[in-house]
PDB file of N, CA and C in Angstrom:
ATOM      1  N   MET A   1      18.279 -12.528   6.835  1.00  0.00           N
ATOM      2  CA  MET A   1      18.618 -11.837   7.514  1.00  0.00           C
ATOM      3  C   MET A   1      19.387  -9.971   6.619  1.00  0.00           C
ATOM      4  N   ASP A   2      19.391  -9.057   6.583  1.00  0.00           N
ATOM      5  CA  ASP A   2      19.410  -8.358   5.875  1.00  0.00           C
ATOM      6  C   ASP A   2      20.755  -7.625   6.820  1.00  0.00           C
ATOM      7  N   PRO A   3      22.022  -7.645   6.447  1.00  0.00           N
ATOM      8  CA  PRO A   3      23.076  -7.237   7.005  1.00  0.00           C
ATOM      9  C   PRO A   3      23.106  -5.665   6.914  1.00  0.00           C
ATOM     10  N   VAL A   4      22.895  -5.042   6.037  1.00  0.00           N
ATOM     11  CA  VAL A   4      23.214  -3.709   5.447  1.00  0.00           C
ATOM     12  C   VAL A   4      21.999  -2.803   6.124  1.00  0.00           C
ATOM     13  N   GLY A   5      20.844  -3.597   6.346  1.00  0.00           N
ATOM     14  CA  GLY A   5      19.887  -3.133   7.096  1.00  0.00           C
ATOM     15  C   GLY A   5      19.109  -2.190   5.852  1.00  0.00           C
ATOM     16  N   ARG A   6      18.605  -2.525   4.965  1.00  0.00           N
ATOM     17  CA  ARG A   6      17.853  -2.128   3.639  1.00  0.00           C
ATOM     18  C   ARG A   6      16.672  -1.676   3.882  1.00  0.00           C
ATOM     19  N   GLU A   7      16.140  -3.006   4.429  1.00  0.00           N
ATOM     20  CA  GLU A   7      14.920  -3.053   4.897  1.00  0.00           C
ATOM     21  C   GLU A   7      14.401  -2.089   5.741  1.00  0.00           C
ATOM     22  N   ALA A   8      15.064  -1.647   6.742  1.00  0.00           N
ATOM     23  CA  ALA A   8      15.115  -0.551   7.933  1.00  0.00           C
ATOM     24  C   ALA A   8      14.889   0.867   6.848  1.00  0.00           C
ATOM     25  N   MET A   9      16.293   0.564   6.189  1.00  0.00           N
ATOM     26  CA  MET A   9      15.996   1.731   5.476  1.00  0.00           C
ATOM     27  C   MET A   9      15.110   2.288   4.597  1.00  0.00           C
ATOM     28  N   THR A  10      14.052   1.584   4.028  1.00  0.00           N
ATOM     29  CA  THR A  10      13.239   1.987   3.271  1.00  0.00           C
ATOM     30  C   THR A  10      12.101   2.018   3.730  1.00  0.00           C
ATOM     31  N   ASN A  11      10.972   2.287   3.148  1.00  0.00           N
ATOM     32  CA  ASN A  11       9.360   3.058   3.682  1.00  0.00           C
ATOM     33  C   ASN A  11       8.668   1.371   2.896  1.00  0.00           C
ATOM     34  N   THR A  12       7.688   1.599   3.786  1.00  0.00           N
ATOM     35  CA  THR A  12       6.727   1.014   3.759  1.00  0.00           C
ATOM     36  C   THR A  12       5.268   1.577   3.212  1.00  0.00           C
ATOM     37  N   VAL A  13       4.322   2.004   2.076  1.00  0.00           N
ATOM     38  CA  VAL A  13       3.629   2.750   2.066  1.00  0.00           C
ATOM     39  C   VAL A  13       1.970   2.308   1.267  1.00  0.00           C
ATOM     40  N   ILE A  14       1.207   2.398   1.715  1.00  0.00           N
ATOM     41  CA  ILE A  14      -0.365   2.553   0.998  1.00  0.00           C
ATOM     42  C   ILE A  14      -0.981   3.359   0.509  1.00  0.00           C
ATOM     43  N   PHE A  15      -0.506   4.065  -0.211  1.00  0.00           N
ATOM     44  CA  PHE A  15      -0.636   5.227  -1.352  1.00  0.00           C
ATOM     45  C   PHE A  15      -2.394   4.866  -1.641  1.00  0.00           C
ATOM     46  N   CYS A  16      -3.324   5.513  -1.113  1.00  0.00           N
ATOM     47  CA  CYS A  16      -4.834   5.598  -1.358  1.00  0.00           C
ATOM     48  C   CYS A  16      -5.198   7.134  -2.450  1.00  0.00           C
ATOM     49  N   ALA A  17      -5.922   6.802  -3.319  1.00  0.00           N
ATOM     50  CA  ALA A  17      -6.167   7.787  -4.394  1.00  0.00           C
ATOM     51  C   ALA A  17      -7.118   7.231  -5.012  1.00  0.00           C
ATOM     52  N   PRO A  18      -8.570   8.253  -5.915  1.00  0.00           N
ATOM     53  CA  PRO A  18      -9.343   7.961  -6.140  1.00  0.00           C
ATOM     54  C   PRO A  18      -8.983   7.389  -7.802  1.00  0.00           C
ATOM     55  N   GLN A  19      -9.911   6.609  -8.646  1.00  0.00           N
ATOM     56  CA  GLN A  19      -9.494   6.072  -9.555  1.00  0.00           C
ATOM     57  C   GLN A  19      -9.252   7.045 -10.723  1.00  0.00           C
ATOM     58  N   GLY A  20      -8.491   7.274 -11.427  1.00  0.00           N
ATOM     59  CA  GLY A  20      -8.720   8.649 -12.403  1.00  0.00           C
ATOM     60  C   GLY A  20      -7.466   9.184 -11.720  1.00  0.00           C
ATOM     61  N   TRP A  21      -6.747   9.319 -10.848  1.00  0.00           N
ATOM     62  CA  TRP A  21      -5.977  10.564  -9.929  1.00  0.00           C
ATOM     63  C   TRP A  21      -4.657  10.305 -10.585  1.00  0.00           C
ATOM     64  N   GLY A  22      -4.487   9.369 -11.086  1.00  0.00           N
ATOM     65  CA  GLY A  22      -2.926   9.125 -11.531  1.00  0.00           C
ATOM     66  C   GLY A  22      -1.879   8.778 -10.836  1.00  0.00           C
ATOM     67  N   LYS A  23      -2.289   7.693 -10.194  1.00  0.00           N
ATOM     68  CA  LYS A  23      -1.278   6.399  -9.020  1.00  0.00           C
ATOM     69  C   LYS A  23      -0.248   6.147 -10.660  1.00  0.00           C
ATOM     70  N   SER A  24      -0.468   5.132 -11.351  1.00  0.00           N
ATOM     71  CA  SER A  24      -0.005   4.570 -12.348  1.00  0.00           C
ATOM     72  C   SER A  24       1.210   5.745 -13.007  1.00  0.00           C
ATOM     73  N   ARG A  25       0.617   6.670 -13.415  1.00  0.00           N
ATOM     74  CA  ARG A  25       1.326   7.480 -14.251  1.00  0.00           C
ATOM     75  C   ARG A  25       2.507   7.984 -13.786  1.00  0.00           C
ATOM     76  N   ARG A  26       2.490   8.534 -12.123  1.00  0.00           N
ATOM     77  CA  ARG A  26       3.033   8.834 -10.973  1.00  0.00           C
ATOM     78  C   ARG A  26       3.612   8.291 -10.588  1.00  0.00           C
ATOM     79  N   ALA A  27       3.638   6.433 -10.778  1.00  0.00           N
ATOM     80  CA  ALA A  27       4.256   5.877  -9.816  1.00  0.00           C
ATOM     81  C   ALA A  27       6.004   5.531  -9.687  1.00  0.00           C
ATOM     82  N   ALA A  28       6.634   6.236 -10.646  1.00  0.00           N
ATOM     83  CA  ALA A  28       8.132   6.101 -10.261  1.00  0.00           C
ATOM     84  C   ALA A  28       8.372   7.270  -9.689  1.00  0.00           C
ATOM     85  N   GLU A  29       7.814   8.591  -9.574  1.00  0.00           N
ATOM     86  CA  GLU A  29       7.773  10.080  -8.987  1.00  0.00           C
ATOM     87  C   GLU A  29       7.256   9.628  -7.808  1.00  0.00           C
ATOM     88  N   LEU A  30       6.374   8.842  -7.186  1.00  0.00           N
ATOM     89  CA  LEU A  30       5.867   8.427  -5.682  1.00  0.00           C
ATOM     90  C   LEU A  30       6.976   7.716  -5.040  1.00  0.00           C
ATOM     91  N   LYS A  31       7.424   6.699  -6.330  1.00  0.00           N
ATOM     92  CA  LYS A  31       8.447   5.615  -5.263  1.00  0.00           C
ATOM     93  C   LYS A  31       9.261   6.734  -4.943  1.00  0.00           C
ATOM     94  N   ARG A  32       9.857   7.437  -5.635  1.00  0.00           N
ATOM     95  CA  ARG A  32      11.410   7.957  -4.976  1.00  0.00           C
ATOM     96  C   ARG A  32      10.678   9.367  -3.488  1.00  0.00           C
ATOM     97  N   GLU A  33       9.303  10.067  -3.986  1.00  0.00           N
ATOM     98  CA  GLU A  33       9.103  10.796  -2.637  1.00  0.00           C
ATOM     99  C   GLU A  33       8.865  10.031  -1.603  1.00  0.00           C
ATOM    100  N   PHE A  34       8.361   8.914  -1.344  1.00  0.00           N
ATOM    101  CA  PHE A  34       8.375   8.229  -0.190  1.00  0.00           C
ATOM    102  C   PHE A  34       9.373   7.127   0.403  1.00  0.00           C
ATOM    103  N   GLY A  35      10.495   7.053  -0.535  1.00  0.00           N
ATOM    104  CA  GLY A  35      11.253   6.113  -0.209  1.00  0.00           C
ATOM    105  C   GLY A  35      11.334   4.565  -0.261  1.00  0.00           C
ATOM    106  N   CYS A  36      10.595   4.034  -1.484  1.00  0.00           N
ATOM    107  CA  CYS A  36      10.269   2.646  -1.410  1.00  0.00           C
ATOM    108  C   CYS A  36      11.274   2.346  -2.584  1.00  0.00           C
ATOM    109  N   THR A  37      11.583   0.997  -2.654  1.00  0.00           N
ATOM    110  CA  THR A  37      12.088   0.472  -3.481  1.00  0.00           C
ATOM    111  C   THR A  37      11.500  -0.597  -4.633  1.00  0.00           C
ATOM    112  N   ASP A  38      10.061  -0.533  -4.295  1.00  0.00           N
ATOM    113  CA  ASP A  38       9.408  -1.639  -5.206  1.00  0.00           C
ATOM    114  C   ASP A  38       7.938  -0.825  -5.766  1.00  0.00           C
ATOM    115  N   VAL A  39       7.051  -1.098  -6.308  1.00  0.00           N
ATOM    116  CA  VAL A  39       5.781  -0.389  -6.716  1.00  0.00           C
ATOM    117  C   VAL A  39       5.124  -1.790  -6.547  1.00  0.00           C
ATOM    118  N   GLU A  40       3.728  -1.683  -6.288  1.00  0.00           N
ATOM    119  CA  GLU A  40       2.584  -2.773  -6.735  1.00  0.00           C
ATOM    120  C   GLU A  40       1.467  -1.823  -6.875  1.00  0.00           C
ATOM    121  N   ASP A  41       1.262  -2.051  -8.282  1.00  0.00           N
ATOM    122  CA  ASP A  41       0.140  -1.105  -8.896  1.00  0.00           C
ATOM    123  C   ASP A  41      -1.109  -1.811  -8.385  1.00  0.00           C
ATOM    124  N   ASP A  42      -2.522  -1.245  -8.833  1.00  0.00           N
ATOM    125  CA  ASP A  42      -3.511  -1.916  -8.341  1.00  0.00           C
ATOM    126  C   ASP A  42      -3.836  -2.801  -7.378  1.00  0.00           C
ATOM    127  N   TRP A  43      -2.861  -2.610  -6.033  1.00  0.00           N
ATOM    128  CA  TRP A  43      -2.959  -3.558  -5.046  1.00  0.00           C
ATOM    129  C   TRP A  43      -4.312  -3.236  -4.173  1.00  0.00           C
ATOM    130  N   HIS A  44      -4.996  -4.207  -3.928  1.00  0.00           N
ATOM    131  CA  HIS A  44      -6.201  -4.532  -3.143  1.00  0.00           C
ATOM    132  C   HIS A  44      -5.951  -5.047  -1.893  1.00  0.00           C
ATOM    133  N   PRO A  45      -6.227  -4.880  -0.650  1.00  0.00           N
ATOM    134  CA  PRO A  45      -6.275  -5.158   0.761  1.00  0.00           C
ATOM    135  C   PRO A  45      -7.020  -6.134   1.199  1.00  0.00           C
ATOM    136  N   PHE A  46      -7.987  -6.789  -0.003  1.00  0.00           N
ATOM    137  CA  PHE A  46      -8.794  -7.850   0.489  1.00  0.00           C
ATOM    138  C   PHE A  46      -8.989  -8.806  -0.479  1.00  0.00           C
ATOM    139  N   VAL A  47      -7.809  -9.036  -1.740  1.00  0.00           N
ATOM    140  CA  VAL A  47      -7.574 -10.095  -2.659  1.00  0.00           C
ATOM    141  C   VAL A  47      -6.617 -10.725  -2.599  1.00  0.00           C
ATOM    142  N   SER A  48      -6.359 -12.213  -2.474  1.00  0.00           N
ATOM    143  CA  SER A  48      -5.001 -12.664  -2.530  1.00  0.00           C
ATOM    144  C   SER A  48      -4.890 -12.863  -3.738  1.00  0.00           C
ATOM    145  N   ARG A  49      -3.420 -12.695  -4.213  1.00  0.00           N
ATOM    146  CA  ARG A  49      -3.258 -12.633  -6.076  1.00  0.00           C
ATOM    147  C   ARG A  49      -3.037 -14.315  -5.971  1.00  0.00           C
ATOM    148  N   LYS A  50      -2.902 -14.777  -5.056  1.00  0.00           N
ATOM    149  CA  LYS A  50      -2.096 -16.386  -5.082  1.00  0.00           C
ATOM    150  C   LYS A  50      -3.206 -17.269  -5.739  1.00  0.00           C
ATOM    151  N   PRO A  51      -2.437 -17.960  -7.126  1.00  0.00           N
ATOM    152  CA  PRO A  51      -3.665 -18.852  -7.853  1.00  0.00           C
ATOM    153  C   PRO A  51      -4.269 -19.791  -7.281  1.00  0.00           C
ATOM    154  N   TYR A  52      -3.410 -20.603  -5.837  1.00  0.00           N
ATOM    155  CA  TYR A  52      -4.017 -21.558  -5.497  1.00  0.00           C
ATOM    156  C   TYR A  52      -4.764 -21.438  -4.580  1.00  0.00           C
ATOM    157  N   ALA A  53      -5.199 -20.269  -4.276  1.00  0.00           N
ATOM    158  CA  ALA A  53      -6.432 -19.553  -2.992  1.00  0.00           C
ATOM    159  C   ALA A  53      -7.667 -20.071  -3.470  1.00  0.00           C
ATOM    160  N   ARG A  54      -7.853 -20.439  -2.343  1.00  0.00           N
ATOM    161  CA  ARG A  54      -9.777 -21.065  -2.629  1.00  0.00           C
ATOM    162  C   ARG A  54     -10.678 -19.986  -2.120  1.00  0.00           C
ATOM    163  N   LYS A  55     -10.115 -19.032  -1.476  1.00  0.00           N
ATOM    164  CA  LYS A  55     -11.265 -17.788  -1.457  1.00  0.00           C
ATOM    165  C   LYS A  55     -10.527 -16.287  -1.046  1.00  0.00           C
ATOM    166  N   PRO A  56     -10.920 -15.575  -1.133  1.00  0.00           N
ATOM    167  CA  PRO A  56     -10.124 -14.184  -1.200  1.00  0.00           C
ATOM    168  C   PRO A  56      -9.318 -14.099   0.306  1.00  0.00           C
ATOM    169  N   THR A  57      -8.125 -13.813   0.158  1.00  0.00           N
ATOM    170  CA  THR A  57      -7.951 -13.833   1.523  1.00  0.00           C
ATOM    171  C   THR A  57      -7.499 -11.995   1.752  1.00  0.00           C
ATOM    172  N   ALA A  58      -6.979 -11.367   2.971  1.00  0.00           N
ATOM    173  CA  ALA A  58      -6.111 -10.511   3.196  1.00  0.00           C
ATOM    174  C   ALA A  58      -4.674 -10.387   2.326  1.00  0.00           C
ATOM    175  N   ALA A  59      -4.608  -9.342   1.924  1.00  0.00           N
ATOM    176  CA  ALA A  59      -3.490  -9.425   1.029  1.00  0.00           C
ATOM    177  C   ALA A  59      -2.224  -8.854   1.585  1.00  0.00           C
ATOM    178  N   THR A  60      -1.292  -9.189   1.341  1.00  0.00           N
ATOM    179  CA  THR A  60      -0.003  -8.784   1.922  1.00  0.00           C
ATOM    180  C   THR A  60       0.714  -7.407   1.961  1.00  0.00           C
ATOM    181  N   VAL A  61       1.308  -6.802   2.600  1.00  0.00           N
ATOM    182  CA  VAL A  61       1.908  -5.992   2.460  1.00  0.00           C
ATOM    183  C   VAL A  61       3.202  -6.488   2.238  1.00  0.00           C
ATOM    184  N   THR A  62       4.213  -6.014   1.412  1.00  0.00           N
ATOM    185  CA  THR A  62       5.470  -6.343   1.351  1.00  0.00           C
ATOM    186  C   THR A  62       6.406  -4.785   1.742  1.00  0.00           C
ATOM    187  N   PRO A  63       7.278  -5.477   2.625  1.00  0.00           N
ATOM    188  CA  PRO A  63       8.496  -4.196   3.323  1.00  0.00           C
ATOM    189  C   PRO A  63       9.115  -4.080   1.739  1.00  0.00           C
ATOM    190  N   GLY A  64       8.791  -2.256   2.105  1.00  0.00           N
ATOM    191  CA  GLY A  64       9.533  -1.411   1.339  1.00  0.00           C
ATOM    192  C   GLY A  64       8.914  -0.934  -0.406  1.00  0.00           C
ATOM    193  N   THR A  65       7.906  -1.659  -0.124  1.00  0.00           N
ATOM    194  CA  THR A  65       7.010  -1.663  -1.862  1.00  0.00           C
ATOM    195  C   THR A  65       5.802  -0.215  -1.242  1.00  0.00           C
ATOM    196  N   LEU A  66       5.584   0.335  -2.470  1.00  0.00           N
ATOM    197  CA  LEU A  66       4.682   1.365  -2.510  1.00  0.00           C
ATOM    198  C   LEU A  66       3.270   0.745  -2.995  1.00  0.00           C
ATOM    199  N   HIS A  67       2.586   0.427  -2.552  1.00  0.00           N
ATOM    200  CA  HIS A  67       1.253   0.018  -2.783  1.00  0.00           C
ATOM    201  C   HIS A  67       0.452   0.702  -2.916  1.00  0.00           C
ATOM    202  N   LEU A  68      -0.033   1.215  -4.248  1.00  0.00           N
ATOM    203  CA  LEU A  68      -1.053   1.891  -5.073  1.00  0.00           C
ATOM    204  C   LEU A  68      -2.316   1.177  -5.184  1.00  0.00           C
ATOM    205  N   THR A  69      -3.453   2.199  -4.619  1.00  0.00           N
ATOM    206  CA  THR A  69      -4.586   1.525  -4.583  1.00  0.00           C
ATOM    207  C   THR A  69      -5.756   2.814  -4.698  1.00  0.00           C
ATOM    208  N   ASN A  70      -7.358   2.350  -5.665  1.00  0.00           N
ATOM    209  CA  ASN A  70      -8.229   2.815  -5.254  1.00  0.00           C
ATOM    210  C   ASN A  70      -8.838   2.560  -3.958  1.00  0.00           C
ATOM    211  N   VAL A  71      -8.907   1.922  -3.460  1.00  0.00           N
ATOM    212  CA  VAL A  71      -9.851   1.516  -2.039  1.00  0.00           C
ATOM    213  C   VAL A  71      -9.665   2.603  -1.048  1.00  0.00           C
ATOM    214  N   SER A  72     -11.001   2.514  -0.599  1.00  0.00           N
ATOM    215  CA  SER A  72     -10.923   4.150   0.322  1.00  0.00           C
ATOM    216  C   SER A  72     -10.322   3.808   1.341  1.00  0.00           C
ATOM    217  N   PRO A  73      -9.217   4.356   2.251  1.00  0.00           N
ATOM    218  CA  PRO A  73      -8.113   4.505   3.451  1.00  0.00           C
ATOM    219  C   PRO A  73      -9.213   3.746   4.700  1.00  0.00           C
ATOM    220  N   ASP A  74     -10.150   4.506   4.610  1.00  0.00           N
ATOM    221  CA  ASP A  74     -11.218   3.540   5.797  1.00  0.00           C
ATOM    222  C   ASP A  74     -11.184   2.161   5.559  1.00  0.00           C
ATOM    223  N   LEU A  75     -11.736   1.672   4.130  1.00  0.00           N
ATOM    224  CA  LEU A  75     -11.351   0.415   4.000  1.00  0.00           C
ATOM    225  C   LEU A  75     -10.056  -0.283   4.478  1.00  0.00           C
ATOM    226  N   VAL A  76      -9.327  -0.010   4.025  1.00  0.00           N
ATOM    227  CA  VAL A  76      -8.027  -0.368   4.318  1.00  0.00           C
ATOM    228  C   VAL A  76      -7.564  -0.451   5.773  1.00  0.00           C
ATOM    229  N   ARG A  77      -7.786   0.492   6.306  1.00  0.00           N
ATOM    230  CA  ARG A  77      -7.586   0.488   7.952  1.00  0.00           C
ATOM    231  C   ARG A  77      -8.493  -0.624   8.498  1.00  0.00           C
ATOM    232  N   GLU A  78     -10.039  -0.555   7.679  1.00  0.00           N
ATOM    233  CA  GLU A  78     -10.684  -1.523   8.718  1.00  0.00           C
ATOM    234  C   GLU A  78     -10.354  -3.319   8.301  1.00  0.00           C
ATOM    235  N   LEU A  79      -9.473  -3.432   7.072  1.00  0.00           N
ATOM    236  CA  LEU A  79      -9.375  -5.067   6.551  1.00  0.00           C
ATOM    237  C   LEU A  79      -8.064  -5.127   7.232  1.00  0.00           C
ATOM    238  N   LEU A  80      -7.560  -4.625   7.399  1.00  0.00           N
ATOM    239  CA  LEU A  80      -5.778  -4.719   7.722  1.00  0.00           C
ATOM    240  C   LEU A  80      -4.999  -3.808   9.004  1.00  0.00           C
ATOM    241  N   PRO A  81      -5.904  -3.718  10.041  1.00  0.00           N
ATOM    242  CA  PRO A  81      -5.689  -3.507  11.073  1.00  0.00           C
ATOM    243  C   PRO A  81      -4.129  -3.518  11.922  1.00  0.00           C
ATOM    244  N   ASN A  82      -3.981  -4.242  11.990  1.00  0.00           N
ATOM    245  CA  ASN A  82      -2.753  -4.990  12.274  1.00  0.00           C
ATOM    246  C   ASN A  82      -1.466  -4.495  11.294  1.00  0.00           C
ATOM    247  N   VAL A  83      -1.636  -4.547  10.106  1.00  0.00           N
ATOM    248  CA  VAL A  83      -0.824  -3.687   9.518  1.00  0.00           C
ATOM    249  C   VAL A  83      -0.717  -2.041   9.418  1.00  0.00           C
ATOM    250  N   VAL A  84      -1.769  -1.469   9.999  1.00  0.00           N
ATOM    251  CA  VAL A  84      -1.532  -0.516   9.988  1.00  0.00           C
ATOM    252  C   VAL A  84      -1.494   0.269  11.240  1.00  0.00           C
ATOM    253  N   ASN A  85      -1.963  -0.433  12.545  1.00  0.00           N
ATOM    254  CA  ASN A  85      -2.104  -0.012  13.438  1.00  0.00           C
ATOM    255  C   ASN A  85      -0.294  -0.686  14.481  1.00  0.00           C
ATOM    256  N   GLY A  86      -0.068  -1.787  13.765  1.00  0.00           N
ATOM    257  CA  GLY A  86       1.521  -2.103  13.863  1.00  0.00           C
ATOM    258  C   GLY A  86       2.332  -1.295  13.404  1.00  0.00           C
ATOM    259  N   ASN A  87       2.229  -0.715  12.764  1.00  0.00           N
ATOM    260  CA  ASN A  87       3.201   0.215  11.799  1.00  0.00           C
ATOM    261  C   ASN A  87       4.080  -0.399  11.040  1.00  0.00           C
ATOM    262  N   GLN A  88       3.280  -1.449  10.593  1.00  0.00           N
ATOM    263  CA  GLN A  88       4.159  -2.272   9.334  1.00  0.00           C
ATOM    264  C   GLN A  88       4.236  -1.418   7.882  1.00  0.00           C
ATOM    265  N   ALA A  89       2.988  -0.503   7.835  1.00  0.00           N
ATOM    266  CA  ALA A  89       3.017   0.475   6.492  1.00  0.00           C
ATOM    267  C   ALA A  89       2.026   1.557   7.174  1.00  0.00           C
ATOM    268  N   ARG A  90       2.605   2.870   6.433  1.00  0.00           N
ATOM    269  CA  ARG A  90       2.122   3.904   6.642  1.00  0.00           C
ATOM    270  C   ARG A  90       0.776   4.329   5.161  1.00  0.00           C
ATOM    271  N   ILE A  91      -0.441   4.449   5.595  1.00  0.00           N
ATOM    272  CA  ILE A  91      -1.081   5.095   4.472  1.00  0.00           C
ATOM    273  C   ILE A  91      -0.773   6.279   4.106  1.00  0.00           C
ATOM    274  N   VAL A  92      -1.121   6.881   2.862  1.00  0.00           N
ATOM    275  CA  VAL A  92      -0.834   8.251   2.823  1.00  0.00           C
ATOM    276  C   VAL A  92      -2.163   8.399   1.486  1.00  0.00           C
ATOM    277  N   VAL A  93      -2.849   9.502   1.919  1.00  0.00           N
ATOM    278  CA  VAL A  93      -3.979   9.445   1.089  1.00  0.00           C
ATOM    279  C   VAL A  93      -3.920  11.093   0.263  1.00  0.00           C
ATOM    280  N   ARG A  94      -4.338  10.815  -1.077  1.00  0.00           N
ATOM    281  CA  ARG A  94      -4.293  12.257  -1.919  1.00  0.00           C
ATOM    282  C   ARG A  94      -5.846  11.971  -2.627  1.00  0.00           C
ATOM    283  N   GLY A  95      -6.456  13.098  -2.586  1.00  0.00           N
ATOM    284  CA  GLY A  95      -7.425  13.090  -3.330  1.00  0.00           C
ATOM    285  C   GLY A  95      -8.925  12.645  -2.763  1.00  0.00           C
ATOM    286  N   TRP A  96      -8.777  12.503  -1.720  1.00  0.00           N
ATOM    287  CA  TRP A  96      -9.941  11.946  -0.586  1.00  0.00           C
ATOM    288  C   TRP A  96      -9.290  12.754   0.832  1.00  0.00           C
ATOM    289  N   SER A  97     -10.601  13.076   1.160  1.00  0.00           N
ATOM    290  CA  SER A  97     -10.018  13.597   2.465  1.00  0.00           C
ATOM    291  C   SER A  97      -9.244  12.947   3.258  1.00  0.00           C
ATOM    292  N   GLU A  98      -8.338  13.531   4.469  1.00  0.00           N
ATOM    293  CA  GLU A  98      -7.475  12.755   5.181  1.00  0.00           C
ATOM    294  C   GLU A  98      -8.162  11.522   5.839  1.00  0.00           C
ATOM    295  N   LYS A  99      -9.132  12.001   6.524  1.00  0.00           N
ATOM    296  CA  LYS A  99     -10.023  11.211   7.336  1.00  0.00           C
ATOM    297  C   LYS A  99     -10.353   9.594   6.744  1.00  0.00           C
ATOM    298  N   GLY A 100     -10.563   9.739   5.550  1.00  0.00           N
ATOM    299  CA  GLY A 100     -11.483   8.868   4.947  1.00  0.00           C
ATOM    300  C   GLY A 100     -11.612   8.742   3.683  1.00  0.00           C
ATOM    301  N   GLY A 101     -12.343   7.693   2.976  1.00  0.00           N
ATOM    302  CA  GLY A 101     -12.901   7.652   1.504  1.00  0.00           C
ATOM    303  C   GLY A 101     -13.375   8.941   0.591  1.00  0.00           C
ATOM    304  N   GLU A 102     -13.939   8.953  -0.044  1.00  0.00           N
ATOM    305  CA  GLU A 102     -15.279   9.968  -0.959  1.00  0.00           C
ATOM    306  C   GLU A 102     -14.737  11.056  -0.270  1.00  0.00           C
TER     307      GLU A 102
END
């Protein structure tokens, strides 16, 4: 339980930009811009980072975290429709057209 409502006060963002855009270099600035409490760099929507996983599974989205990825926003929407459509996370796109990748 979160008695002070910290989760409600923070944002969960999936930040999509091409490789070389400067996501890692600008991570602290982006974290402040979007009001996130943590950063997960090199996040991928289709790979579980759990060492005991036998096969790749859909990755999790951590509340309050800025997830940095070079995966196209179209692929993120395709692989995680419940997260995006369920308003668990907001997708922010820079360096690509807003509609999709490349």
